Amino acid sequence: MSRKIIAIIPAAGVGSRMKAGMPKQYLTILGKTILEHTLNLMLNHCAISRVIVALRKDDPYFPSLSILSHEKIQLVEGGNTRAESVLNALNAVFEENAWALVHDAARPCLTETDLNKLLEINDEHGAILAIPVTDTIKRGDKTGTILTTVDRSQLWQAQTPQFFRADLLKNALSKGLKLKHIITDEASAMELAGFRPHLVTGRSDNIKVTRPEDLALAEFYLTRKIR
């Protein structure tokens, strides 16, 4: 049975670190919102059958986007956390043999090449895009004092998309939230459920727009990508 790939975009966050007066996914780069850049690759990919966007209740920004009318888009109400938003989206997935491709709303520079590498994974452990850590990593205490230098040889920086069988991810998130585990991404929920997701090497320009200085960098990468 062929897989049904459902992209899930949790977009209910407020992006407080951006200090922009609106959620960061609605800031504009090159004439489009960050969210529109993020959605376009998903909507135009032939392997993705549907895109579920989890929005906060009474989101005043998304209804003004022309992309709302795209036939592949489905909206669900987001939760108070990323994990809750993703779980709400998974509750709207009913297809047999469905796989969930979860991607950050504010990560607009993903390339189709990296996406295709991730979609090659086809076992129950699933996979995430990630890059090996290259900077020296320090562990510090609460006062900002270095405690030790961490061995980086086996450290990876997690990115998105993250790709898992929808039913397994739904169960992992449900259980993790019920047990009040700290779930920072989908892979962490799967790990707590006993799975060992694959690490698929991505690109360093697949950045997540988090702080004001990230906007210029994202614009640079998107300009290069368009060219």
Protein backbone atom coordinates (compact mmCIF):
# COMPACT_ATOMS: atom_id res chain seq x y z
CA MET A 1 0.00 0.00 0.00
CA SER A 2 1.43 3.37 -1.02
CA ARG A 3 2.12 5.88 1.71
CA LYS A 4 0.03 9.00 2.21
CA ILE A 5 2.33 11.80 3.27
CA ILE A 6 0.67 14.53 5.31
CA ALA A 7 2.67 17.67 6.08
CA ILE A 8 1.95 19.25 9.47
CA ILE A 9 2.91 22.85 10.17
CA PRO A 10 2.51 23.92 13.82
CA ALA A 11 1.95 27.68 13.52
CA ALA A 12 0.25 28.60 16.80
CA GLY A 13 3.32 30.13 18.44
CA VAL A 14 3.69 33.83 19.19
CA GLY A 15 7.47 34.09 18.65
CA SER A 16 8.19 36.23 21.70
CA ARG A 17 11.96 36.28 21.11
CA MET A 18 11.45 38.09 17.79
CA LYS A 19 9.86 41.11 19.59
CA ALA A 20 8.06 42.07 16.38
CA GLY A 21 4.52 42.81 17.54
CA MET A 22 3.17 39.82 15.62
CA PRO A 23 3.99 36.11 15.37
CA LYS A 24 7.26 35.70 13.46
CA GLN A 25 5.70 33.43 10.82
CA TYR A 26 3.77 36.44 9.53
CA LEU A 27 6.77 38.70 9.03
CA THR A 28 7.49 39.40 5.38
CA ILE A 29 10.55 38.41 3.38
CA LEU A 30 10.76 39.10 -0.38
CA GLY A 31 7.09 40.01 -0.58
CA LYS A 32 5.75 36.91 1.17
CA THR A 33 5.27 35.94 4.78
CA ILE A 34 7.68 33.44 6.27
CA LEU A 35 4.77 31.01 6.59
CA GLU A 36 3.97 31.30 2.88
CA HIS A 37 7.58 30.52 1.97
CA THR A 38 7.43 27.50 4.28
CA LEU A 39 4.13 26.25 2.89
CA ASN A 40 4.98 26.66 -0.79
CA LEU A 41 7.49 23.82 -0.93
CA MET A 42 5.08 21.48 0.85
CA LEU A 43 2.12 22.44 -1.32
CA ASN A 44 4.06 22.05 -4.56
CA HIS A 45 5.68 18.71 -3.72
CA CYS A 46 4.03 15.87 -5.63
CA ALA A 47 4.48 13.32 -2.81
CA ILE A 48 2.62 15.42 -0.22
CA SER A 49 -1.13 14.89 -0.39
CA ARG A 50 -2.28 17.34 2.28
CA VAL A 51 -0.90 20.12 4.47
CA ILE A 52 -2.42 20.62 7.92
CA VAL A 53 -1.71 23.98 9.54
CA ALA A 54 -2.28 24.28 13.30
CA LEU A 55 -3.19 27.88 14.17
CA ARG A 56 -3.92 29.54 17.46
CA LYS A 57 -7.57 30.27 18.10
CA ASP A 58 -8.81 33.48 16.45
CA ASP A 59 -5.56 33.95 14.51
CA PRO A 60 -6.13 37.33 12.79
CA TYR A 61 -3.35 37.00 10.22
CA PHE A 62 -3.76 33.73 8.33
CA PRO A 63 -7.22 34.51 6.87
CA SER A 64 -5.68 37.40 4.90
CA LEU A 65 -3.24 35.13 3.06
CA SER A 66 -4.23 34.10 -0.47
CA ILE A 67 -2.61 30.72 0.13
CA LEU A 68 -5.54 29.86 2.41
CA SER A 69 -7.59 28.88 -0.64
CA HIS A 70 -5.15 26.17 -1.77
CA GLU A 71 -6.95 22.86 -2.09
CA LYS A 72 -4.30 20.96 -0.13
CA ILE A 73 -4.55 23.11 3.01
CA GLN A 74 -6.53 22.08 6.07
CA LEU A 75 -6.70 24.16 9.26
CA VAL A 76 -6.90 22.89 12.84
CA GLU A 77 -6.76 24.72 16.14
CA GLY A 78 -3.36 24.66 17.76
CA GLY A 79 -2.55 23.98 21.40
CA ASN A 80 -0.59 25.73 24.11
CA THR A 81 2.59 23.86 23.14
CA ARG A 82 4.12 22.59 19.93
CA ALA A 83 3.42 18.99 20.96
CA GLU A 84 -0.26 19.77 21.54
CA SER A 85 -0.55 21.52 18.18
CA VAL A 86 1.01 18.59 16.34
CA LEU A 87 -1.24 16.15 18.19
CA ASN A 88 -4.31 18.18 17.23
CA ALA A 89 -3.22 17.97 13.60
CA LEU A 90 -2.63 14.22 13.87
CA ASN A 91 -6.16 13.83 15.18
CA ALA A 92 -7.31 15.02 11.75
CA VAL A 93 -5.34 12.30 9.92
CA PHE A 94 -7.50 9.31 9.00
CA GLU A 95 -5.75 7.91 5.92
CA GLU A 96 -4.37 4.37 6.03
CA ASN A 97 -0.59 4.10 5.93
CA ALA A 98 -0.25 7.82 6.67
CA TRP A 99 3.10 9.39 7.45
CA ALA A 100 3.44 12.77 9.15
CA LEU A 101 6.02 15.27 7.92
CA VAL A 102 6.26 17.92 10.65
CA HIS A 103 7.99 21.17 9.75
CA ASP A 104 8.54 24.44 11.63
CA ALA A 105 6.42 27.33 10.38
CA ALA A 106 9.42 29.66 10.71
CA ARG A 107 11.90 27.48 8.79
CA PRO A 108 11.37 28.81 5.23
CA CYS A 109 14.68 27.90 3.57
CA LEU A 110 14.24 24.11 3.29
CA THR A 111 15.40 22.74 -0.06
CA GLU A 112 13.57 20.12 -2.09
CA THR A 113 16.78 18.06 -2.16
CA ASP A 114 16.86 17.75 1.64
CA LEU A 115 13.15 17.04 1.74
CA ASN A 116 13.51 14.24 -0.79
CA LYS A 117 16.36 12.66 1.20
CA LEU A 118 14.16 12.56 4.28
CA LEU A 119 11.23 11.06 2.39
CA GLU A 120 13.38 8.06 1.42
CA ILE A 121 13.13 6.76 5.01
CA ASN A 122 10.53 4.02 5.25
CA ASP A 123 10.90 2.19 8.56
CA GLU A 124 9.00 2.57 11.81
CA HIS A 125 11.76 4.53 13.56
CA GLY A 126 11.31 7.47 11.21
CA ALA A 127 13.88 10.22 10.72
CA ILE A 128 14.74 13.87 11.13
CA LEU A 129 16.92 16.34 9.30
CA ALA A 130 19.91 17.34 11.41
CA ILE A 131 23.42 18.70 11.06
CA PRO A 132 26.55 17.61 12.97
CA VAL A 133 27.61 20.11 15.63
CA THR A 134 30.79 21.90 14.55
CA ASP A 135 31.16 24.63 17.20
CA THR A 136 32.78 24.01 20.56
CA ILE A 137 30.02 23.28 23.08
CA LYS A 138 30.21 24.37 26.71
CA ARG A 139 28.07 23.23 29.63
CA GLY A 140 27.44 26.05 32.09
CA ASP A 141 25.72 26.60 35.42
CA LYS A 142 22.89 28.99 36.27
CA THR A 143 25.34 31.84 36.91
CA GLY A 144 26.78 31.67 33.39
CA THR A 145 30.02 29.98 34.45
CA ILE A 146 31.54 27.20 32.33
CA LEU A 147 31.42 23.80 33.99
CA THR A 148 32.97 21.74 31.20
CA THR A 149 33.56 21.45 27.47
CA VAL A 150 31.28 18.85 25.91
CA ASP A 151 32.53 16.21 23.48
CA ARG A 152 30.81 17.17 20.21
CA SER A 153 31.83 14.09 18.19
CA GLN A 154 28.37 12.51 18.53
CA LEU A 155 26.27 15.67 18.81
CA TRP A 156 23.78 16.75 16.17
CA GLN A 157 21.60 19.86 15.91
CA ALA A 158 18.04 18.80 15.19
CA GLN A 159 16.15 20.49 12.37
CA THR A 160 12.84 19.91 10.68
CA PRO A 161 11.11 18.35 8.84
CA GLN A 162 10.76 15.32 11.09
CA PHE A 163 9.14 12.29 9.49
CA PHE A 164 7.26 9.48 11.23
CA ARG A 165 4.39 7.09 10.77
CA ALA A 166 1.38 9.14 11.82
CA ASP A 167 -0.12 6.52 14.13
CA LEU A 168 3.15 5.92 15.96
CA LEU A 169 3.81 9.63 16.40
CA LYS A 170 0.24 10.21 17.61
CA ASN A 171 0.62 7.49 20.25
CA ALA A 172 4.04 8.76 21.32
CA LEU A 173 2.84 12.34 21.73
CA SER A 174 -0.34 11.30 23.54
CA LYS A 175 1.59 9.17 26.00
CA GLY A 176 4.34 11.74 26.51
CA LEU A 177 1.89 14.56 27.21
CA LYS A 178 -0.14 12.38 29.56
CA LEU A 179 3.00 11.56 31.53
CA LYS A 180 4.04 15.25 31.47
CA HIS A 181 7.33 14.54 29.74
CA ILE A 182 9.31 17.42 28.27
CA ILE A 183 8.77 17.13 24.52
CA THR A 184 10.85 19.60 22.54
CA ASP A 185 10.33 18.02 19.12
CA GLU A 186 8.62 15.00 17.57
CA ALA A 187 11.79 12.90 17.73
CA SER A 188 12.00 13.36 21.51
CA ALA A 189 8.48 11.92 21.86
CA MET A 190 9.42 8.96 19.68
CA GLU A 191 12.61 8.41 21.68
CA LEU A 192 10.61 8.32 24.92
CA ALA A 193 8.39 5.69 23.28
CA GLY A 194 11.41 3.48 22.58
CA PHE A 195 12.18 4.37 18.96
CA ARG A 196 15.54 5.44 17.56
CA PRO A 197 14.95 7.87 14.69
CA HIS A 198 17.47 8.14 11.87
CA LEU A 199 19.58 11.26 11.43
CA VAL A 200 19.52 12.51 7.84
CA THR A 201 22.22 15.10 7.21
CA GLY A 202 20.70 18.39 6.17
CA ARG A 203 22.02 21.80 5.22
CA SER A 204 23.10 24.57 7.57
CA ASP A 205 21.03 27.12 5.63
CA ASN A 206 17.80 25.39 6.75
CA ILE A 207 17.59 27.97 9.53
CA LYS A 208 14.75 28.64 11.93
CA VAL A 209 13.88 32.33 12.10
CA THR A 210 13.89 33.04 15.83
CA ARG A 211 15.61 36.38 16.47
CA PRO A 212 15.57 39.69 14.54
CA GLU A 213 19.01 39.08 13.04
CA ASP A 214 17.75 35.84 11.44
CA LEU A 215 15.52 37.78 9.02
CA ALA A 216 18.39 39.14 6.95
CA LEU A 217 20.03 35.72 6.82
CA ALA A 218 16.80 34.05 5.73
CA GLU A 219 16.33 36.70 3.03
CA PHE A 220 19.85 36.00 1.75
CA TYR A 221 19.27 32.24 1.57
CA LEU A 222 15.83 32.61 -0.03
CA THR A 223 17.18 35.03 -2.63
CA ARG A 224 19.92 32.55 -3.52
CA LYS A 225 17.40 29.70 -3.61
CA ILE A 226 15.08 31.59 -5.99
CA ARG A 227 17.95 32.37 -8.34
